[in-house]
């Protein structure tokens, strides 16, 4: 989805309680899980080549975040940063 659409959806979320700090967290989490549910539904029926591209991109990003070399194994990095591998979702 486009970033503008994500922001528009986020503004539609209603607060659950009167504490402003909790409202932001609840709105953000509900929005993330909603988008993640859609993503899993769509990608569950896609070709393996598309899923592989996303997995390779995820590996590239975690190497950038950790400032590791381009040929570093990523399994330990995913564990260290507590990030799910795309294939595990």
N, C-alpha and C. Protein backbone atom coordinates (compact mmCIF):
# COMPACT_ATOMS: atom_id res chain seq x y z
N UNK A 1 0.83 -1.17 0.00
CA UNK A 1 0.00 0.00 0.00
C UNK A 1 0.88 1.24 0.00
N UNK A 2 0.32 2.29 -0.46
CA UNK A 2 1.04 3.54 -0.53
C UNK A 2 1.11 4.18 0.86
N UNK A 3 2.16 4.94 1.13
CA UNK A 3 2.38 5.56 2.44
C UNK A 3 1.24 6.51 2.81
N UNK A 4 0.70 7.23 1.84
CA UNK A 4 -0.42 8.15 2.13
C UNK A 4 -1.64 7.39 2.60
N UNK A 5 -1.88 6.24 2.02
CA UNK A 5 -3.01 5.42 2.42
C UNK A 5 -2.82 4.90 3.85
N UNK A 6 -1.59 4.51 4.19
CA UNK A 6 -1.31 4.04 5.55
C UNK A 6 -1.56 5.15 6.55
N UNK A 7 -1.12 6.37 6.24
CA UNK A 7 -1.33 7.49 7.15
C UNK A 7 -2.81 7.83 7.27
N UNK A 8 -3.55 7.73 6.18
CA UNK A 8 -4.98 8.01 6.22
C UNK A 8 -5.69 6.98 7.10
N UNK A 9 -5.31 5.71 6.99
CA UNK A 9 -5.90 4.67 7.81
C UNK A 9 -5.57 4.89 9.28
N UNK A 10 -4.38 5.35 9.56
CA UNK A 10 -3.96 5.57 10.94
C UNK A 10 -4.80 6.68 11.58
N UNK A 11 -5.13 7.72 10.82
CA UNK A 11 -5.94 8.81 11.36
C UNK A 11 -7.37 8.37 11.66
N UNK A 12 -7.85 7.32 11.04
CA UNK A 12 -9.20 6.85 11.26
C UNK A 12 -9.36 6.08 12.56
N UNK A 13 -8.27 5.60 13.14
CA UNK A 13 -8.33 4.81 14.37
C UNK A 13 -8.84 5.68 15.51
N UNK A 14 -9.72 5.12 16.32
CA UNK A 14 -10.26 5.85 17.46
C UNK A 14 -9.53 5.44 18.73
N UNK A 15 -9.34 6.37 19.66
CA UNK A 15 -8.69 6.02 20.91
C UNK A 15 -9.58 5.13 21.76
N UNK A 16 -8.96 4.22 22.52
CA UNK A 16 -9.69 3.29 23.35
C UNK A 16 -9.87 3.85 24.75
N UNK A 17 -8.91 4.60 25.24
CA UNK A 17 -9.01 5.18 26.57
C UNK A 17 -8.60 6.65 26.54
N UNK A 18 -8.56 7.28 27.69
CA UNK A 18 -8.29 8.72 27.74
C UNK A 18 -6.83 9.07 27.94
N UNK A 19 -5.93 8.11 28.03
CA UNK A 19 -4.52 8.39 28.22
C UNK A 19 -3.86 8.55 26.86
N UNK A 20 -3.35 9.74 26.54
CA UNK A 20 -2.80 10.01 25.20
C UNK A 20 -1.64 9.09 24.83
N UNK A 21 -0.78 8.75 25.77
CA UNK A 21 0.36 7.89 25.44
C UNK A 21 -0.10 6.48 25.07
N UNK A 22 -1.17 6.01 25.67
CA UNK A 22 -1.70 4.69 25.35
C UNK A 22 -2.46 4.72 24.02
N UNK A 23 -3.10 5.83 23.70
CA UNK A 23 -3.85 5.93 22.46
C UNK A 23 -2.95 5.76 21.26
N UNK A 24 -1.79 6.38 21.30
CA UNK A 24 -0.85 6.26 20.20
C UNK A 24 -0.39 4.82 20.03
N UNK A 25 -0.07 4.17 21.13
CA UNK A 25 0.41 2.79 21.08
C UNK A 25 -0.68 1.87 20.55
N UNK A 26 -1.88 2.02 21.06
CA UNK A 26 -2.99 1.15 20.64
C UNK A 26 -3.31 1.38 19.17
N UNK A 27 -3.36 2.65 18.74
CA UNK A 27 -3.65 2.94 17.34
C UNK A 27 -2.57 2.39 16.42
N UNK A 28 -1.32 2.57 16.81
CA UNK A 28 -0.21 2.08 15.98
C UNK A 28 -0.23 0.57 15.88
N UNK A 29 -0.43 -0.10 17.02
CA UNK A 29 -0.43 -1.56 17.01
C UNK A 29 -1.60 -2.12 16.21
N UNK A 30 -2.78 -1.55 16.37
CA UNK A 30 -3.93 -2.06 15.62
C UNK A 30 -3.73 -1.85 14.12
N UNK A 31 -3.14 -0.73 13.75
CA UNK A 31 -2.89 -0.44 12.35
C UNK A 31 -1.85 -1.40 11.78
N UNK A 32 -0.81 -1.67 12.54
CA UNK A 32 0.24 -2.58 12.08
C UNK A 32 -0.31 -3.98 11.89
N UNK A 33 -1.10 -4.47 12.86
CA UNK A 33 -1.64 -5.82 12.75
C UNK A 33 -2.64 -5.93 11.61
N UNK A 34 -3.41 -4.88 11.38
CA UNK A 34 -4.36 -4.87 10.27
C UNK A 34 -3.61 -4.98 8.94
N UNK A 35 -2.57 -4.16 8.77
CA UNK A 35 -1.80 -4.19 7.53
C UNK A 35 -1.04 -5.51 7.37
N UNK A 36 -0.53 -6.03 8.48
CA UNK A 36 0.19 -7.30 8.44
C UNK A 36 -0.74 -8.43 8.03
N UNK A 37 -1.98 -8.40 8.50
CA UNK A 37 -2.96 -9.42 8.13
C UNK A 37 -3.24 -9.38 6.63
N UNK A 38 -3.38 -8.19 6.09
CA UNK A 38 -3.60 -8.05 4.64
C UNK A 38 -2.38 -8.54 3.87
N UNK A 39 -1.20 -8.15 4.33
CA UNK A 39 0.04 -8.54 3.67
C UNK A 39 0.17 -10.06 3.63
N UNK A 40 -0.08 -10.72 4.74
CA UNK A 40 0.04 -12.18 4.78
C UNK A 40 -0.98 -12.82 3.86
N UNK A 41 -2.20 -12.28 3.81
CA UNK A 41 -3.23 -12.84 2.93
C UNK A 41 -2.83 -12.73 1.46
N UNK A 42 -2.31 -11.58 1.08
CA UNK A 42 -1.94 -11.36 -0.31
C UNK A 42 -0.71 -12.18 -0.68
N UNK A 43 0.30 -12.15 0.16
CA UNK A 43 1.54 -12.84 -0.16
C UNK A 43 1.44 -14.36 -0.02
N UNK A 44 0.42 -14.80 0.70
CA UNK A 44 0.23 -16.25 0.82
C UNK A 44 -0.15 -16.89 -0.50
N UNK A 45 -0.67 -16.10 -1.41
CA UNK A 45 -1.09 -16.64 -2.71
C UNK A 45 -0.20 -16.16 -3.85
N UNK A 46 0.98 -15.67 -3.55
CA UNK A 46 1.86 -15.16 -4.59
C UNK A 46 2.90 -16.21 -4.97
N UNK A 47 3.67 -15.92 -5.98
CA UNK A 47 4.69 -16.84 -6.45
C UNK A 47 5.89 -16.87 -5.49
N UNK A 48 6.59 -17.98 -5.47
CA UNK A 48 7.75 -18.13 -4.60
C UNK A 48 8.85 -17.13 -4.95
N UNK A 49 8.95 -16.76 -6.21
CA UNK A 49 9.99 -15.81 -6.61
C UNK A 49 9.77 -14.44 -5.96
N UNK A 50 8.51 -14.04 -5.80
CA UNK A 50 8.21 -12.76 -5.14
C UNK A 50 8.54 -12.81 -3.66
N UNK A 51 8.21 -13.92 -3.03
CA UNK A 51 8.52 -14.09 -1.61
C UNK A 51 10.03 -14.12 -1.42
N UNK A 52 10.75 -14.75 -2.32
CA UNK A 52 12.20 -14.81 -2.22
C UNK A 52 12.82 -13.42 -2.33
N UNK A 53 12.27 -12.59 -3.21
CA UNK A 53 12.76 -11.21 -3.33
C UNK A 53 12.62 -10.45 -2.01
N UNK A 54 11.48 -10.61 -1.37
CA UNK A 54 11.24 -9.93 -0.09
C UNK A 54 12.21 -10.44 0.96
N UNK A 55 12.44 -11.75 0.97
CA UNK A 55 13.37 -12.34 1.93
C UNK A 55 14.79 -11.81 1.71
N UNK A 56 15.22 -11.72 0.47
CA UNK A 56 16.56 -11.19 0.18
C UNK A 56 16.67 -9.72 0.57
N UNK A 57 15.61 -8.97 0.33
CA UNK A 57 15.60 -7.57 0.73
C UNK A 57 15.67 -7.43 2.25
N UNK A 58 14.96 -8.29 2.95
CA UNK A 58 14.99 -8.27 4.40
C UNK A 58 16.40 -8.57 4.92
N UNK A 59 17.07 -9.52 4.29
CA UNK A 59 18.44 -9.84 4.69
C UNK A 59 19.38 -8.67 4.44
N UNK A 60 19.17 -8.00 3.31
CA UNK A 60 20.00 -6.84 2.98
C UNK A 60 19.80 -5.72 4.00
N UNK A 61 18.55 -5.48 4.37
CA UNK A 61 18.24 -4.42 5.33
C UNK A 61 18.84 -4.71 6.70
N UNK A 62 18.77 -5.95 7.15
CA UNK A 62 19.33 -6.26 8.48
C UNK A 62 20.85 -6.14 8.48
N UNK A 63 21.48 -6.40 7.36
CA UNK A 63 22.93 -6.17 7.27
C UNK A 63 23.24 -4.67 7.35
N UNK A 64 22.40 -3.86 6.72
CA UNK A 64 22.60 -2.41 6.77
C UNK A 64 22.39 -1.90 8.20
N UNK A 65 21.34 -2.36 8.85
CA UNK A 65 21.05 -1.93 10.22
C UNK A 65 22.20 -2.28 11.16
N UNK A 66 22.73 -3.48 11.00
CA UNK A 66 23.80 -3.93 11.90
C UNK A 66 25.19 -3.49 11.44
N UNK A 67 25.25 -2.81 10.30
CA UNK A 67 26.52 -2.36 9.73
C UNK A 67 27.49 -3.54 9.52
N UNK A 68 26.95 -4.63 9.03
CA UNK A 68 27.74 -5.84 8.76
C UNK A 68 28.19 -5.86 7.30
N UNK A 69 29.13 -6.75 7.03
CA UNK A 69 29.61 -6.92 5.66
C UNK A 69 28.50 -7.54 4.79
N UNK A 70 28.62 -7.36 3.48
CA UNK A 70 27.57 -7.83 2.57
C UNK A 70 27.43 -9.35 2.55
N UNK A 71 28.45 -10.08 2.97
CA UNK A 71 28.39 -11.54 2.93
C UNK A 71 28.22 -12.17 4.32
N UNK A 72 27.84 -11.37 5.30
CA UNK A 72 27.63 -11.88 6.66
C UNK A 72 26.38 -12.74 6.70
N UNK A 73 26.45 -13.85 7.46
CA UNK A 73 25.27 -14.69 7.65
C UNK A 73 24.26 -13.93 8.50
N UNK A 74 23.00 -14.03 8.15
CA UNK A 74 21.99 -13.19 8.80
C UNK A 74 21.21 -13.90 9.90
N UNK A 75 21.34 -15.21 10.03
CA UNK A 75 20.55 -15.92 11.05
C UNK A 75 20.80 -15.36 12.45
N UNK A 76 22.06 -15.15 12.80
CA UNK A 76 22.37 -14.64 14.13
C UNK A 76 21.92 -13.19 14.28
N UNK A 77 21.91 -12.43 13.19
CA UNK A 77 21.46 -11.04 13.25
C UNK A 77 19.96 -10.96 13.51
N UNK A 78 19.19 -11.84 12.89
CA UNK A 78 17.76 -11.86 13.13
C UNK A 78 17.46 -12.19 14.59
N UNK A 79 18.22 -13.10 15.17
CA UNK A 79 18.04 -13.46 16.58
C UNK A 79 18.45 -12.29 17.46
N UNK A 80 19.57 -11.68 17.15
CA UNK A 80 20.08 -10.56 17.95
C UNK A 80 19.09 -9.39 18.00
N UNK A 81 18.51 -9.04 16.86
CA UNK A 81 17.58 -7.92 16.80
C UNK A 81 16.12 -8.32 17.04
N UNK A 82 15.90 -9.62 17.29
CA UNK A 82 14.56 -10.15 17.57
C UNK A 82 13.58 -9.82 16.45
N UNK A 83 13.99 -10.11 15.22
CA UNK A 83 13.18 -9.86 14.04
C UNK A 83 12.79 -11.21 13.42
N UNK A 84 11.53 -11.34 13.06
CA UNK A 84 11.08 -12.57 12.41
C UNK A 84 11.55 -12.58 10.96
N UNK A 85 12.00 -13.73 10.52
CA UNK A 85 12.34 -13.91 9.11
C UNK A 85 11.03 -13.99 8.34
N UNK A 86 11.01 -13.41 7.16
CA UNK A 86 9.76 -13.34 6.40
C UNK A 86 9.12 -14.71 6.18
N UNK A 87 9.92 -15.73 5.94
CA UNK A 87 9.38 -17.07 5.71
C UNK A 87 8.69 -17.62 6.96
N UNK A 88 9.06 -17.11 8.15
CA UNK A 88 8.45 -17.59 9.40
C UNK A 88 7.10 -16.96 9.69
N UNK A 89 6.80 -15.87 8.99
CA UNK A 89 5.50 -15.20 9.21
C UNK A 89 4.45 -16.02 8.49
